[in-house]
Amino acid sequence: MPNTKSAIRRVRRVKSQTQVNKIRKSKYKNAVKQIELLIKSKEKDKAKKYFPKFQSILMQVAKKGSVSKKTAARKISKISKRI
């Protein structure tokens, strides 16, 4: 239990930040799953069309710090090699 006034406020802030991070991470994971699905289903043209949006989503999430920038860059690189 937080004892000080600032610790109480911090707990409230962390709770809302956790929710935002969950939303961002799920957005990231959904984008990865979507492009994996397109690649596995042999729909390369659809995957190529979706790739810029995929890249944008990953970099937005990385920019906010929910996922490491290097992790996002690595995912983008591996996917681009497969397309």
N, C-alpha and C. Protein backbone atom coordinates (compact mmCIF):
# COMPACT_ATOMS: atom_id res chain seq x y z
N MET A 1 0.83 -1.19 0.00
CA MET A 1 0.00 0.00 0.00
C MET A 1 0.88 1.25 0.00
N PRO A 2 0.53 2.20 -0.84
CA PRO A 2 1.29 3.45 -0.86
C PRO A 2 0.99 4.28 0.40
N ASN A 3 2.01 4.86 0.95
CA ASN A 3 1.84 5.62 2.19
C ASN A 3 1.80 7.13 1.96
N THR A 4 2.58 7.61 1.03
CA THR A 4 2.64 9.05 0.81
C THR A 4 1.64 9.48 -0.25
N LYS A 5 1.37 10.79 -0.26
CA LYS A 5 0.43 11.34 -1.22
C LYS A 5 0.92 11.13 -2.65
N SER A 6 2.21 11.34 -2.86
CA SER A 6 2.77 11.19 -4.21
C SER A 6 2.73 9.73 -4.66
N ALA A 7 2.91 8.80 -3.73
CA ALA A 7 2.86 7.37 -4.06
C ALA A 7 1.44 6.96 -4.46
N ILE A 8 0.46 7.54 -3.80
CA ILE A 8 -0.94 7.26 -4.13
C ILE A 8 -1.24 7.75 -5.55
N ARG A 9 -0.78 8.95 -5.88
CA ARG A 9 -0.98 9.49 -7.23
C ARG A 9 -0.25 8.65 -8.26
N ARG A 10 0.92 8.20 -7.90
CA ARG A 10 1.73 7.38 -8.81
C ARG A 10 1.02 6.06 -9.13
N VAL A 11 0.39 5.46 -8.14
CA VAL A 11 -0.35 4.21 -8.35
C VAL A 11 -1.48 4.43 -9.35
N ARG A 12 -2.20 5.56 -9.20
CA ARG A 12 -3.27 5.89 -10.12
C ARG A 12 -2.73 6.07 -11.54
N ARG A 13 -1.61 6.75 -11.64
CA ARG A 13 -1.01 7.02 -12.95
C ARG A 13 -0.52 5.74 -13.61
N VAL A 14 0.10 4.87 -12.84
CA VAL A 14 0.62 3.61 -13.38
C VAL A 14 -0.52 2.74 -13.89
N LYS A 15 -1.65 2.76 -13.20
CA LYS A 15 -2.80 1.96 -13.62
C LYS A 15 -3.28 2.38 -15.01
N SER A 16 -3.38 3.69 -15.24
CA SER A 16 -3.83 4.16 -16.55
C SER A 16 -2.77 3.91 -17.61
N GLN A 17 -1.49 4.06 -17.25
CA GLN A 17 -0.41 3.80 -18.20
C GLN A 17 -0.38 2.33 -18.61
N THR A 18 -0.68 1.45 -17.67
CA THR A 18 -0.70 0.02 -17.96
C THR A 18 -1.78 -0.30 -18.98
N GLN A 19 -2.94 0.31 -18.84
CA GLN A 19 -4.02 0.09 -19.80
C GLN A 19 -3.64 0.57 -21.19
N VAL A 20 -3.00 1.73 -21.27
CA VAL A 20 -2.58 2.28 -22.56
C VAL A 20 -1.54 1.36 -23.20
N ASN A 21 -0.60 0.88 -22.39
CA ASN A 21 0.43 -0.02 -22.91
C ASN A 21 -0.16 -1.32 -23.41
N LYS A 22 -1.17 -1.85 -22.72
CA LYS A 22 -1.84 -3.07 -23.17
C LYS A 22 -2.48 -2.87 -24.52
N ILE A 23 -3.13 -1.71 -24.71
CA ILE A 23 -3.77 -1.40 -25.99
C ILE A 23 -2.72 -1.34 -27.09
N ARG A 24 -1.61 -0.66 -26.80
CA ARG A 24 -0.55 -0.52 -27.80
C ARG A 24 0.06 -1.87 -28.16
N LYS A 25 0.33 -2.69 -27.13
CA LYS A 25 0.94 -4.00 -27.40
C LYS A 25 0.00 -4.90 -28.18
N SER A 26 -1.30 -4.82 -27.90
CA SER A 26 -2.24 -5.65 -28.65
C SER A 26 -2.32 -5.18 -30.10
N LYS A 27 -2.23 -3.88 -30.31
CA LYS A 27 -2.20 -3.31 -31.66
C LYS A 27 -0.98 -3.85 -32.42
N TYR A 28 0.15 -3.87 -31.74
CA TYR A 28 1.41 -4.39 -32.29
C TYR A 28 1.29 -5.87 -32.64
N LYS A 29 0.78 -6.64 -31.70
CA LYS A 29 0.65 -8.08 -31.91
C LYS A 29 -0.33 -8.41 -33.03
N ASN A 30 -1.44 -7.66 -33.10
CA ASN A 30 -2.42 -7.88 -34.17
C ASN A 30 -1.82 -7.58 -35.54
N ALA A 31 -1.00 -6.54 -35.62
CA ALA A 31 -0.37 -6.19 -36.89
C ALA A 31 0.59 -7.30 -37.32
N VAL A 32 1.35 -7.85 -36.37
CA VAL A 32 2.29 -8.93 -36.69
C VAL A 32 1.52 -10.17 -37.15
N LYS A 33 0.45 -10.51 -36.42
CA LYS A 33 -0.35 -11.68 -36.79
C LYS A 33 -0.97 -11.51 -38.18
N GLN A 34 -1.46 -10.31 -38.46
CA GLN A 34 -2.10 -10.03 -39.75
C GLN A 34 -1.13 -10.23 -40.90
N ILE A 35 0.08 -9.69 -40.78
CA ILE A 35 1.03 -9.81 -41.88
C ILE A 35 1.55 -11.24 -42.00
N GLU A 36 1.70 -11.93 -40.87
CA GLU A 36 2.11 -13.34 -40.90
C GLU A 36 1.07 -14.16 -41.65
N LEU A 37 -0.19 -13.87 -41.38
CA LEU A 37 -1.30 -14.58 -42.03
C LEU A 37 -1.28 -14.34 -43.54
N LEU A 38 -1.05 -13.09 -43.94
CA LEU A 38 -1.00 -12.76 -45.36
C LEU A 38 0.17 -13.46 -46.06
N ILE A 39 1.30 -13.54 -45.38
CA ILE A 39 2.48 -14.19 -45.97
C ILE A 39 2.25 -15.70 -46.08
N LYS A 40 1.70 -16.30 -45.03
CA LYS A 40 1.47 -17.75 -45.04
C LYS A 40 0.42 -18.17 -46.05
N SER A 41 -0.55 -17.29 -46.31
CA SER A 41 -1.62 -17.64 -47.25
C SER A 41 -1.23 -17.34 -48.70
N LYS A 42 0.05 -17.09 -48.91
CA LYS A 42 0.60 -16.88 -50.26
C LYS A 42 0.00 -15.66 -50.96
N GLU A 43 -0.48 -14.70 -50.19
CA GLU A 43 -1.04 -13.48 -50.77
C GLU A 43 0.02 -12.38 -50.68
N LYS A 44 1.06 -12.52 -51.47
CA LYS A 44 2.19 -11.59 -51.43
C LYS A 44 1.78 -10.17 -51.82
N ASP A 45 0.87 -10.04 -52.79
CA ASP A 45 0.47 -8.70 -53.21
C ASP A 45 -0.28 -7.96 -52.09
N LYS A 46 -1.13 -8.69 -51.36
CA LYS A 46 -1.84 -8.09 -50.24
C LYS A 46 -0.86 -7.76 -49.11
N ALA A 47 0.11 -8.65 -48.92
CA ALA A 47 1.13 -8.42 -47.88
C ALA A 47 1.95 -7.18 -48.22
N LYS A 48 2.28 -7.02 -49.49
CA LYS A 48 3.04 -5.83 -49.92
C LYS A 48 2.23 -4.55 -49.72
N LYS A 49 0.92 -4.63 -49.96
CA LYS A 49 0.06 -3.47 -49.76
C LYS A 49 -0.05 -3.13 -48.27
N TYR A 50 -0.12 -4.15 -47.43
CA TYR A 50 -0.30 -3.96 -45.99
C TYR A 50 1.01 -3.57 -45.30
N PHE A 51 2.14 -3.85 -45.93
CA PHE A 51 3.44 -3.65 -45.29
C PHE A 51 3.68 -2.21 -44.80
N PRO A 52 3.39 -1.16 -45.59
CA PRO A 52 3.61 0.19 -45.07
C PRO A 52 2.80 0.50 -43.81
N LYS A 53 1.56 0.02 -43.78
CA LYS A 53 0.72 0.23 -42.59
C LYS A 53 1.29 -0.55 -41.40
N PHE A 54 1.73 -1.78 -41.66
CA PHE A 54 2.36 -2.62 -40.65
C PHE A 54 3.58 -1.91 -40.06
N GLN A 55 4.40 -1.38 -40.94
CA GLN A 55 5.62 -0.69 -40.52
C GLN A 55 5.26 0.54 -39.68
N SER A 56 4.26 1.25 -40.10
CA SER A 56 3.82 2.45 -39.39
C SER A 56 3.34 2.11 -37.98
N ILE A 57 2.54 1.07 -37.87
CA ILE A 57 2.00 0.65 -36.56
C ILE A 57 3.15 0.28 -35.63
N LEU A 58 4.09 -0.52 -36.12
CA LEU A 58 5.20 -0.94 -35.28
C LEU A 58 6.05 0.23 -34.81
N MET A 59 6.30 1.17 -35.70
CA MET A 59 7.13 2.31 -35.32
C MET A 59 6.39 3.26 -34.36
N GLN A 60 5.07 3.37 -34.50
CA GLN A 60 4.29 4.18 -33.56
C GLN A 60 4.38 3.60 -32.15
N VAL A 61 4.23 2.28 -32.06
CA VAL A 61 4.29 1.62 -30.76
C VAL A 61 5.69 1.74 -30.17
N ALA A 62 6.71 1.59 -31.01
CA ALA A 62 8.09 1.69 -30.55
C ALA A 62 8.42 3.12 -30.11
N LYS A 63 7.87 4.08 -30.81
CA LYS A 63 8.12 5.49 -30.50
C LYS A 63 7.62 5.83 -29.09
N LYS A 64 6.51 5.25 -28.72
CA LYS A 64 5.94 5.51 -27.40
C LYS A 64 6.63 4.71 -26.29
N GLY A 65 7.43 3.71 -26.66
CA GLY A 65 8.19 2.97 -25.66
C GLY A 65 7.54 1.71 -25.15
N SER A 66 6.39 1.34 -25.69
CA SER A 66 5.73 0.11 -25.24
C SER A 66 6.53 -1.11 -25.67
N VAL A 67 7.19 -0.99 -26.83
CA VAL A 67 8.05 -2.04 -27.36
C VAL A 67 9.36 -1.35 -27.74
N SER A 68 10.46 -2.06 -27.56
CA SER A 68 11.76 -1.49 -27.88
C SER A 68 11.86 -1.14 -29.36
N LYS A 69 12.56 -0.06 -29.67
CA LYS A 69 12.73 0.36 -31.07
C LYS A 69 13.50 -0.70 -31.85
N LYS A 70 14.45 -1.33 -31.20
CA LYS A 70 15.23 -2.37 -31.87
C LYS A 70 14.38 -3.60 -32.17
N THR A 71 13.48 -3.92 -31.27
CA THR A 71 12.58 -5.06 -31.48
C THR A 71 11.69 -4.78 -32.69
N ALA A 72 11.13 -3.59 -32.76
CA ALA A 72 10.26 -3.23 -33.88
C ALA A 72 11.05 -3.25 -35.19
N ALA A 73 12.26 -2.70 -35.16
CA ALA A 73 13.09 -2.68 -36.37
C ALA A 73 13.44 -4.09 -36.82
N ARG A 74 13.70 -4.96 -35.87
CA ARG A 74 14.03 -6.36 -36.19
C ARG A 74 12.84 -7.06 -36.83
N LYS A 75 11.65 -6.84 -36.28
CA LYS A 75 10.43 -7.44 -36.84
C LYS A 75 10.21 -6.96 -38.27
N ILE A 76 10.34 -5.66 -38.47
CA ILE A 76 10.13 -5.07 -39.80
C ILE A 76 11.13 -5.65 -40.79
N SER A 77 12.37 -5.77 -40.36
CA SER A 77 13.43 -6.30 -41.24
C SER A 77 13.15 -7.74 -41.65
N LYS A 78 12.80 -8.56 -40.66
CA LYS A 78 12.55 -9.99 -40.95
C LYS A 78 11.35 -10.16 -41.88
N ILE A 79 10.31 -9.38 -41.65
CA ILE A 79 9.11 -9.46 -42.49
C ILE A 79 9.42 -8.99 -43.91
N SER A 80 10.17 -7.91 -44.02
CA SER A 80 10.47 -7.37 -45.36
C SER A 80 11.30 -8.34 -46.16
N LYS A 81 12.15 -9.13 -45.51
CA LYS A 81 12.93 -10.16 -46.22
C LYS A 81 12.03 -11.27 -46.75
N ARG A 82 10.96 -11.56 -45.98
CA ARG A 82 10.06 -12.65 -46.37
C ARG A 82 9.09 -12.25 -47.50
N ILE A 83 8.86 -10.95 -47.65
CA ILE A 83 7.91 -10.50 -48.68
C ILE A 83 8.57 -10.47 -50.03
